[in-house]
Amino acid sequence: ERPAQANPQWDGATPDPGSSNVPHRVYNIG
C-alpha cells in the first residue's frame, strides 16, 4: 500500500544497497 519511491538522499559516491535514486526499495521482514 506504499509504492516504492526514490530516496532523495541517495548518493552514488556512497551507494546505499537498500534504496536508490529510482523507485526501488528493499526491506527485511523478520
PDB file of all heavy atoms in Angstrom:
ATOM      1  N   GLU A   1       0.815  -1.217   0.000  1.00  0.00           N
ATOM      2  CA  GLU A   1       0.000   0.000   0.000  1.00  0.00           C
ATOM      3  C   GLU A   1       0.852   1.273   0.000  1.00  0.00           C
ATOM      4  O   GLU A   1       0.307   2.377  -0.024  1.00  0.00           O
ATOM      5  CB  GLU A   1      -0.918  -0.015   1.225  1.00  0.00           C
ATOM      6  CG  GLU A   1      -1.964  -1.128   1.166  1.00  0.00           C
ATOM      7  CD  GLU A   1      -2.816  -1.231   2.422  1.00  0.00           C
ATOM      8  OE1 GLU A   1      -2.351  -0.815   3.509  1.00  0.00           O
ATOM      9  OE2 GLU A   1      -3.956  -1.722   2.305  1.00  0.00           O
ATOM     10  N   ARG A   2       2.163   1.097  -0.021  1.00  0.00           N
ATOM     11  CA  ARG A   2       3.084   2.241  -0.031  1.00  0.00           C
ATOM     12  C   ARG A   2       4.080   2.064  -1.173  1.00  0.00           C
ATOM     13  O   ARG A   2       5.185   1.574  -0.970  1.00  0.00           O
ATOM     14  CB  ARG A   2       3.816   2.336   1.316  1.00  0.00           C
ATOM     15  CG  ARG A   2       4.702   3.549   1.470  1.00  0.00           C
ATOM     16  CD  ARG A   2       5.463   3.487   2.791  1.00  0.00           C
ATOM     17  NE  ARG A   2       6.296   4.661   3.001  1.00  0.00           N
ATOM     18  CZ  ARG A   2       7.495   4.865   2.444  1.00  0.00           C
ATOM     19  NH1 ARG A   2       7.999   3.966   1.621  1.00  0.00           N
ATOM     20  NH2 ARG A   2       8.168   5.965   2.693  1.00  0.00           N
ATOM     21  N   PRO A   3       3.702   2.419  -2.418  1.00  0.00           N
ATOM     22  CA  PRO A   3       4.596   2.194  -3.557  1.00  0.00           C
ATOM     23  C   PRO A   3       5.983   2.788  -3.345  1.00  0.00           C
ATOM     24  O   PRO A   3       6.144   3.852  -2.750  1.00  0.00           O
ATOM     25  CB  PRO A   3       3.860   2.890  -4.711  1.00  0.00           C
ATOM     26  CG  PRO A   3       2.419   2.820  -4.321  1.00  0.00           C
ATOM     27  CD  PRO A   3       2.409   2.992  -2.826  1.00  0.00           C
ATOM     28  N   ALA A   4       6.968   2.064  -3.825  1.00  0.00           N
ATOM     29  CA  ALA A   4       8.364   2.478  -3.676  1.00  0.00           C
ATOM     30  C   ALA A   4       8.591   3.854  -4.291  1.00  0.00           C
ATOM     31  O   ALA A   4       8.050   4.177  -5.353  1.00  0.00           O
ATOM     32  CB  ALA A   4       9.280   1.457  -4.324  1.00  0.00           C
ATOM     33  N   GLN A   5       9.412   4.642  -3.611  1.00  0.00           N
ATOM     34  CA  GLN A   5       9.797   5.957  -4.107  1.00  0.00           C
ATOM     35  C   GLN A   5      11.317   6.093  -4.093  1.00  0.00           C
ATOM     36  O   GLN A   5      12.009   5.397  -3.343  1.00  0.00           O
ATOM     37  CB  GLN A   5       9.177   7.052  -3.241  1.00  0.00           C
ATOM     38  CG  GLN A   5       7.655   7.064  -3.252  1.00  0.00           C
ATOM     39  CD  GLN A   5       7.080   8.170  -2.395  1.00  0.00           C
ATOM     40  OE1 GLN A   5       7.793   8.930  -1.756  1.00  0.00           O
ATOM     41  NE2 GLN A   5       5.754   8.259  -2.358  1.00  0.00           N
ATOM     42  N   ALA A   6      11.806   6.982  -4.915  1.00  0.00           N
ATOM     43  CA  ALA A   6      13.245   7.250  -4.928  1.00  0.00           C
ATOM     44  C   ALA A   6      13.664   7.877  -3.601  1.00  0.00           C
ATOM     45  O   ALA A   6      12.902   8.618  -2.978  1.00  0.00           O
ATOM     46  CB  ALA A   6      13.585   8.181  -6.088  1.00  0.00           C
ATOM     47  N   ASN A   7      14.870   7.570  -3.185  1.00  0.00           N
ATOM     48  CA  ASN A   7      15.448   8.162  -1.978  1.00  0.00           C
ATOM     49  C   ASN A   7      16.201   9.435  -2.375  1.00  0.00           C
ATOM     50  O   ASN A   7      17.242   9.356  -3.026  1.00  0.00           O
ATOM     51  CB  ASN A   7      16.394   7.155  -1.317  1.00  0.00           C
ATOM     52  CG  ASN A   7      17.093   7.724  -0.091  1.00  0.00           C
ATOM     53  OD1 ASN A   7      16.827   8.845   0.338  1.00  0.00           O
ATOM     54  ND2 ASN A   7      18.009   6.957   0.474  1.00  0.00           N
ATOM     55  N   PRO A   8      15.693  10.612  -1.999  1.00  0.00           N
ATOM     56  CA  PRO A   8      16.339  11.861  -2.431  1.00  0.00           C
ATOM     57  C   PRO A   8      17.736  12.033  -1.843  1.00  0.00           C
ATOM     58  O   PRO A   8      18.527  12.805  -2.374  1.00  0.00           O
ATOM     59  CB  PRO A   8      15.382  12.950  -1.929  1.00  0.00           C
ATOM     60  CG  PRO A   8      14.602  12.307  -0.828  1.00  0.00           C
ATOM     61  CD  PRO A   8      14.495  10.864  -1.181  1.00  0.00           C
ATOM     62  N   GLN A   9      18.058  11.311  -0.770  1.00  0.00           N
ATOM     63  CA  GLN A   9      19.393  11.413  -0.165  1.00  0.00           C
ATOM     64  C   GLN A   9      20.374  10.398  -0.730  1.00  0.00           C
ATOM     65  O   GLN A   9      21.546  10.386  -0.332  1.00  0.00           O
ATOM     66  CB  GLN A   9      19.300  11.209   1.359  1.00  0.00           C
ATOM     67  CG  GLN A   9      18.902  12.450   2.127  1.00  0.00           C
ATOM     68  CD  GLN A   9      17.422  12.747   2.047  1.00  0.00           C
ATOM     69  OE1 GLN A   9      16.605  11.853   2.271  1.00  0.00           O
ATOM     70  NE2 GLN A   9      17.062  13.978   1.715  1.00  0.00           N
ATOM     71  N   TRP A  10      19.921   9.558  -1.646  1.00  0.00           N
ATOM     72  CA  TRP A  10      20.806   8.520  -2.177  1.00  0.00           C
ATOM     73  C   TRP A  10      21.978   9.150  -2.928  1.00  0.00           C
ATOM     74  O   TRP A  10      21.813  10.083  -3.701  1.00  0.00           O
ATOM     75  CB  TRP A  10      20.033   7.602  -3.109  1.00  0.00           C
ATOM     76  CG  TRP A  10      20.742   6.322  -3.433  1.00  0.00           C
ATOM     77  CD1 TRP A  10      20.704   5.165  -2.732  1.00  0.00           C
ATOM     78  CD2 TRP A  10      21.577   6.074  -4.566  1.00  0.00           C
ATOM     79  NE1 TRP A  10      21.471   4.202  -3.340  1.00  0.00           N
ATOM     80  CE2 TRP A  10      22.028   4.741  -4.471  1.00  0.00           C
ATOM     81  CE3 TRP A  10      22.005   6.852  -5.643  1.00  0.00           C
ATOM     82  CZ2 TRP A  10      22.870   4.155  -5.415  1.00  0.00           C
ATOM     83  CZ3 TRP A  10      22.845   6.278  -6.580  1.00  0.00           C
ATOM     84  CH2 TRP A  10      23.271   4.941  -6.466  1.00  0.00           C
ATOM     85  N   ASP A  11      23.172   8.641  -2.690  1.00  0.00           N
ATOM     86  CA  ASP A  11      24.391   9.217  -3.251  1.00  0.00           C
ATOM     87  C   ASP A  11      25.196   8.122  -3.934  1.00  0.00           C
ATOM     88  O   ASP A  11      25.603   7.142  -3.289  1.00  0.00           O
ATOM     89  CB  ASP A  11      25.213   9.860  -2.128  1.00  0.00           C
ATOM     90  CG  ASP A  11      26.468  10.567  -2.638  1.00  0.00           C
ATOM     91  OD1 ASP A  11      26.723  10.520  -3.858  1.00  0.00           O
ATOM     92  OD2 ASP A  11      27.186  11.140  -1.802  1.00  0.00           O
ATOM     93  N   GLY A  12      25.424   8.279  -5.217  1.00  0.00           N
ATOM     94  CA  GLY A  12      26.186   7.288  -5.966  1.00  0.00           C
ATOM     95  C   GLY A  12      27.625   7.153  -5.522  1.00  0.00           C
ATOM     96  O   GLY A  12      28.268   6.130  -5.786  1.00  0.00           O
ATOM     97  N   ALA A  13      28.148   8.135  -4.820  1.00  0.00           N
ATOM     98  CA  ALA A  13      29.520   8.044  -4.319  1.00  0.00           C
ATOM     99  C   ALA A  13      29.612   7.089  -3.130  1.00  0.00           C
ATOM    100  O   ALA A  13      30.641   6.438  -2.913  1.00  0.00           O
ATOM    101  CB  ALA A  13      30.024   9.433  -3.918  1.00  0.00           C
ATOM    102  N   THR A  14      28.524   7.010  -2.357  1.00  0.00           N
ATOM    103  CA  THR A  14      28.445   6.062  -1.236  1.00  0.00           C
ATOM    104  C   THR A  14      27.088   5.370  -1.312  1.00  0.00           C
ATOM    105  O   THR A  14      26.199   5.640  -0.498  1.00  0.00           O
ATOM    106  CB  THR A  14      28.607   6.773   0.120  1.00  0.00           C
ATOM    107  OG1 THR A  14      27.624   7.828   0.214  1.00  0.00           O
ATOM    108  CG2 THR A  14      29.994   7.372   0.262  1.00  0.00           C
ATOM    109  N   PRO A  15      26.907   4.494  -2.296  1.00  0.00           N
ATOM    110  CA  PRO A  15      25.569   3.958  -2.585  1.00  0.00           C
ATOM    111  C   PRO A  15      25.007   3.089  -1.471  1.00  0.00           C
ATOM    112  O   PRO A  15      25.686   2.207  -0.949  1.00  0.00           O
ATOM    113  CB  PRO A  15      25.790   3.140  -3.859  1.00  0.00           C
ATOM    114  CG  PRO A  15      27.241   2.817  -3.869  1.00  0.00           C
ATOM    115  CD  PRO A  15      27.935   3.959  -3.210  1.00  0.00           C
ATOM    116  N   ASP A  16      23.763   3.363  -1.093  1.00  0.00           N
ATOM    117  CA  ASP A  16      23.034   2.580  -0.098  1.00  0.00           C
ATOM    118  C   ASP A  16      22.362   1.409  -0.807  1.00  0.00           C
ATOM    119  O   ASP A  16      21.500   1.624  -1.665  1.00  0.00           O
ATOM    120  CB  ASP A  16      21.981   3.461   0.584  1.00  0.00           C
ATOM    121  CG  ASP A  16      20.971   2.662   1.380  1.00  0.00           C
ATOM    122  OD1 ASP A  16      21.333   1.573   1.857  1.00  0.00           O
ATOM    123  OD2 ASP A  16      19.824   3.133   1.531  1.00  0.00           O
ATOM    124  N   PRO A  17      22.708   0.143  -0.483  1.00  0.00           N
ATOM    125  CA  PRO A  17      22.116  -1.004  -1.179  1.00  0.00           C
ATOM    126  C   PRO A  17      20.614  -1.163  -0.953  1.00  0.00           C
ATOM    127  O   PRO A  17      19.945  -1.823  -1.743  1.00  0.00           O
ATOM    128  CB  PRO A  17      22.877  -2.200  -0.600  1.00  0.00           C
ATOM    129  CG  PRO A  17      24.151  -1.637  -0.050  1.00  0.00           C
ATOM    130  CD  PRO A  17      23.784  -0.279   0.439  1.00  0.00           C
ATOM    131  N   GLY A  18      20.069  -0.562   0.097  1.00  0.00           N
ATOM    132  CA  GLY A  18      18.659  -0.759   0.415  1.00  0.00           C
ATOM    133  C   GLY A  18      17.711   0.196  -0.273  1.00  0.00           C
ATOM    134  O   GLY A  18      16.493   0.019  -0.189  1.00  0.00           O
ATOM    135  N   SER A  19      18.219   1.224  -0.926  1.00  0.00           N
ATOM    136  CA  SER A  19      17.364   2.191  -1.610  1.00  0.00           C
ATOM    137  C   SER A  19      18.068   2.641  -2.879  1.00  0.00           C
ATOM    138  O   SER A  19      19.079   2.075  -3.285  1.00  0.00           O
ATOM    139  CB  SER A  19      17.056   3.385  -0.704  1.00  0.00           C
ATOM    140  OG  SER A  19      18.236   4.107  -0.391  1.00  0.00           O
ATOM    141  N   SER A  20      17.546   3.675  -3.526  1.00  0.00           N
ATOM    142  CA  SER A  20      18.114   4.132  -4.790  1.00  0.00           C
ATOM    143  C   SER A  20      17.570   5.517  -5.115  1.00  0.00           C
ATOM    144  O   SER A  20      16.642   6.005  -4.458  1.00  0.00           O
ATOM    145  CB  SER A  20      17.752   3.147  -5.910  1.00  0.00           C
ATOM    146  OG  SER A  20      18.303   3.563  -7.146  1.00  0.00           O
ATOM    147  N   ASN A  21      18.127   6.118  -6.151  1.00  0.00           N
ATOM    148  CA  ASN A  21      17.571   7.375  -6.652  1.00  0.00           C
ATOM    149  C   ASN A  21      16.492   7.117  -7.698  1.00  0.00           C
ATOM    150  O   ASN A  21      16.050   8.032  -8.372  1.00  0.00           O
ATOM    151  CB  ASN A  21      18.669   8.275  -7.210  1.00  0.00           C
ATOM    152  CG  ASN A  21      19.414   7.644  -8.378  1.00  0.00           C
ATOM    153  OD1 ASN A  21      19.261   6.451  -8.663  1.00  0.00           O
ATOM    154  ND2 ASN A  21      20.238   8.445  -9.050  1.00  0.00           N
ATOM    155  N   VAL A  22      16.086   5.846  -7.830  1.00  0.00           N
ATOM    156  CA  VAL A  22      14.939   5.455  -8.653  1.00  0.00           C
ATOM    157  C   VAL A  22      13.962   4.738  -7.721  1.00  0.00           C
ATOM    158  O   VAL A  22      14.314   4.385  -6.594  1.00  0.00           O
ATOM    159  CB  VAL A  22      15.368   4.538  -9.825  1.00  0.00           C
ATOM    160  CG1 VAL A  22      16.380   5.253 -10.700  1.00  0.00           C
ATOM    161  CG2 VAL A  22      15.936   3.213  -9.324  1.00  0.00           C
ATOM    162  N   PRO A  23      12.708   4.520  -8.131  1.00  0.00           N
ATOM    163  CA  PRO A  23      11.706   3.962  -7.213  1.00  0.00           C
ATOM    164  C   PRO A  23      11.898   2.471  -6.956  1.00  0.00           C
ATOM    165  O   PRO A  23      11.115   1.618  -7.411  1.00  0.00           O
ATOM    166  CB  PRO A  23      10.377   4.261  -7.910  1.00  0.00           C
ATOM    167  CG  PRO A  23      10.717   4.313  -9.360  1.00  0.00           C
ATOM    168  CD  PRO A  23      12.089   4.923  -9.427  1.00  0.00           C
ATOM    169  N   HIS A  24      12.939   2.137  -6.231  1.00  0.00           N
ATOM    170  CA  HIS A  24      13.203   0.751  -5.844  1.00  0.00           C
ATOM    171  C   HIS A  24      13.683   0.712  -4.398  1.00  0.00           C
ATOM    172  O   HIS A  24      14.561   1.482  -4.014  1.00  0.00           O
ATOM    173  CB  HIS A  24      14.264   0.111  -6.747  1.00  0.00           C
ATOM    174  CG  HIS A  24      14.529  -1.327  -6.410  1.00  0.00           C
ATOM    175  ND1 HIS A  24      15.564  -1.714  -5.584  1.00  0.00           N
ATOM    176  CD2 HIS A  24      13.876  -2.462  -6.767  1.00  0.00           C
ATOM    177  CE1 HIS A  24      15.547  -3.036  -5.450  1.00  0.00           C
ATOM    178  NE2 HIS A  24      14.537  -3.512  -6.160  1.00  0.00           N
ATOM    179  N   ARG A  25      13.080  -0.173  -3.597  1.00  0.00           N
ATOM    180  CA  ARG A  25      13.442  -0.319  -2.187  1.00  0.00           C
ATOM    181  C   ARG A  25      13.586  -1.787  -1.844  1.00  0.00           C
ATOM    182  O   ARG A  25      12.996  -2.653  -2.507  1.00  0.00           O
ATOM    183  CB  ARG A  25      12.365   0.301  -1.289  1.00  0.00           C
ATOM    184  CG  ARG A  25      12.202   1.798  -1.433  1.00  0.00           C
ATOM    185  CD  ARG A  25      13.181   2.555  -0.556  1.00  0.00           C
ATOM    186  NE  ARG A  25      13.091   4.000  -0.738  1.00  0.00           N
ATOM    187  CZ  ARG A  25      13.430   4.894   0.191  1.00  0.00           C
ATOM    188  NH1 ARG A  25      13.887   4.492   1.361  1.00  0.00           N
ATOM    189  NH2 ARG A  25      13.331   6.180  -0.057  1.00  0.00           N
ATOM    190  N   VAL A  26      14.307  -2.060  -0.773  1.00  0.00           N
ATOM    191  CA  VAL A  26      14.434  -3.412  -0.229  1.00  0.00           C
ATOM    192  C   VAL A  26      14.194  -3.336   1.274  1.00  0.00           C
ATOM    193  O   VAL A  26      14.695  -2.431   1.943  1.00  0.00           O
ATOM    194  CB  VAL A  26      15.824  -4.014  -0.509  1.00  0.00           C
ATOM    195  CG1 VAL A  26      15.956  -5.377   0.150  1.00  0.00           C
ATOM    196  CG2 VAL A  26      16.075  -4.138  -2.007  1.00  0.00           C
ATOM    197  N   TYR A  27      13.398  -4.285   1.803  1.00  0.00           N
ATOM    198  CA  TYR A  27      13.148  -4.350   3.244  1.00  0.00           C
ATOM    199  C   TYR A  27      13.358  -5.778   3.751  1.00  0.00           C
ATOM    200  O   TYR A  27      13.099  -6.748   3.024  1.00  0.00           O
ATOM    201  CB  TYR A  27      11.706  -3.948   3.572  1.00  0.00           C
ATOM    202  CG  TYR A  27      11.352  -2.524   3.244  1.00  0.00           C
ATOM    203  CD1 TYR A  27      10.532  -2.233   2.156  1.00  0.00           C
ATOM    204  CD2 TYR A  27      11.817  -1.466   4.018  1.00  0.00           C
ATOM    205  CE1 TYR A  27      10.182  -0.921   1.844  1.00  0.00           C
ATOM    206  CE2 TYR A  27      11.475  -0.153   3.720  1.00  0.00           C
ATOM    207  CZ  TYR A  27      10.663   0.114   2.633  1.00  0.00           C
ATOM    208  OH  TYR A  27      10.329   1.416   2.329  1.00  0.00           O
ATOM    209  N   ASN A  28      13.815  -5.890   4.985  1.00  0.00           N
ATOM    210  CA  ASN A  28      13.761  -7.148   5.716  1.00  0.00           C
ATOM    211  C   ASN A  28      12.393  -7.277   6.371  1.00  0.00           C
ATOM    212  O   ASN A  28      11.872  -6.306   6.924  1.00  0.00           O
ATOM    213  CB  ASN A  28      14.805  -7.174   6.840  1.00  0.00           C
ATOM    214  CG  ASN A  28      16.230  -7.284   6.330  1.00  0.00           C
ATOM    215  OD1 ASN A  28      16.480  -7.818   5.260  1.00  0.00           O
ATOM    216  ND2 ASN A  28      17.164  -6.779   7.116  1.00  0.00           N
ATOM    217  N   ILE A  29      11.819  -8.477   6.326  1.00  0.00           N
ATOM    218  CA  ILE A  29      10.668  -8.778   7.180  1.00  0.00           C
ATOM    219  C   ILE A  29      11.049  -9.992   8.018  1.00  0.00           C
ATOM    220  O   ILE A  29      11.092 -11.127   7.517  1.00  0.00           O
ATOM    221  CB  ILE A  29       9.381  -9.048   6.391  1.00  0.00           C
ATOM    222  CG1 ILE A  29       9.039  -7.874   5.473  1.00  0.00           C
ATOM    223  CG2 ILE A  29       8.224  -9.280   7.356  1.00  0.00           C
ATOM    224  CD1 ILE A  29       7.700  -8.002   4.765  1.00  0.00           C
ATOM    225  N   GLY A  30      11.374  -9.738   9.260  1.00  0.00           N
ATOM    226  CA  GLY A  30      11.771 -10.783  10.189  1.00  0.00           C
ATOM    227  C   GLY A  30      11.345 -10.418  11.588  1.00  0.00           C
ATOM    228  O   GLY A  30      10.957  -9.272  11.859  1.00  0.00           O
TER     229      GLY A  30
END
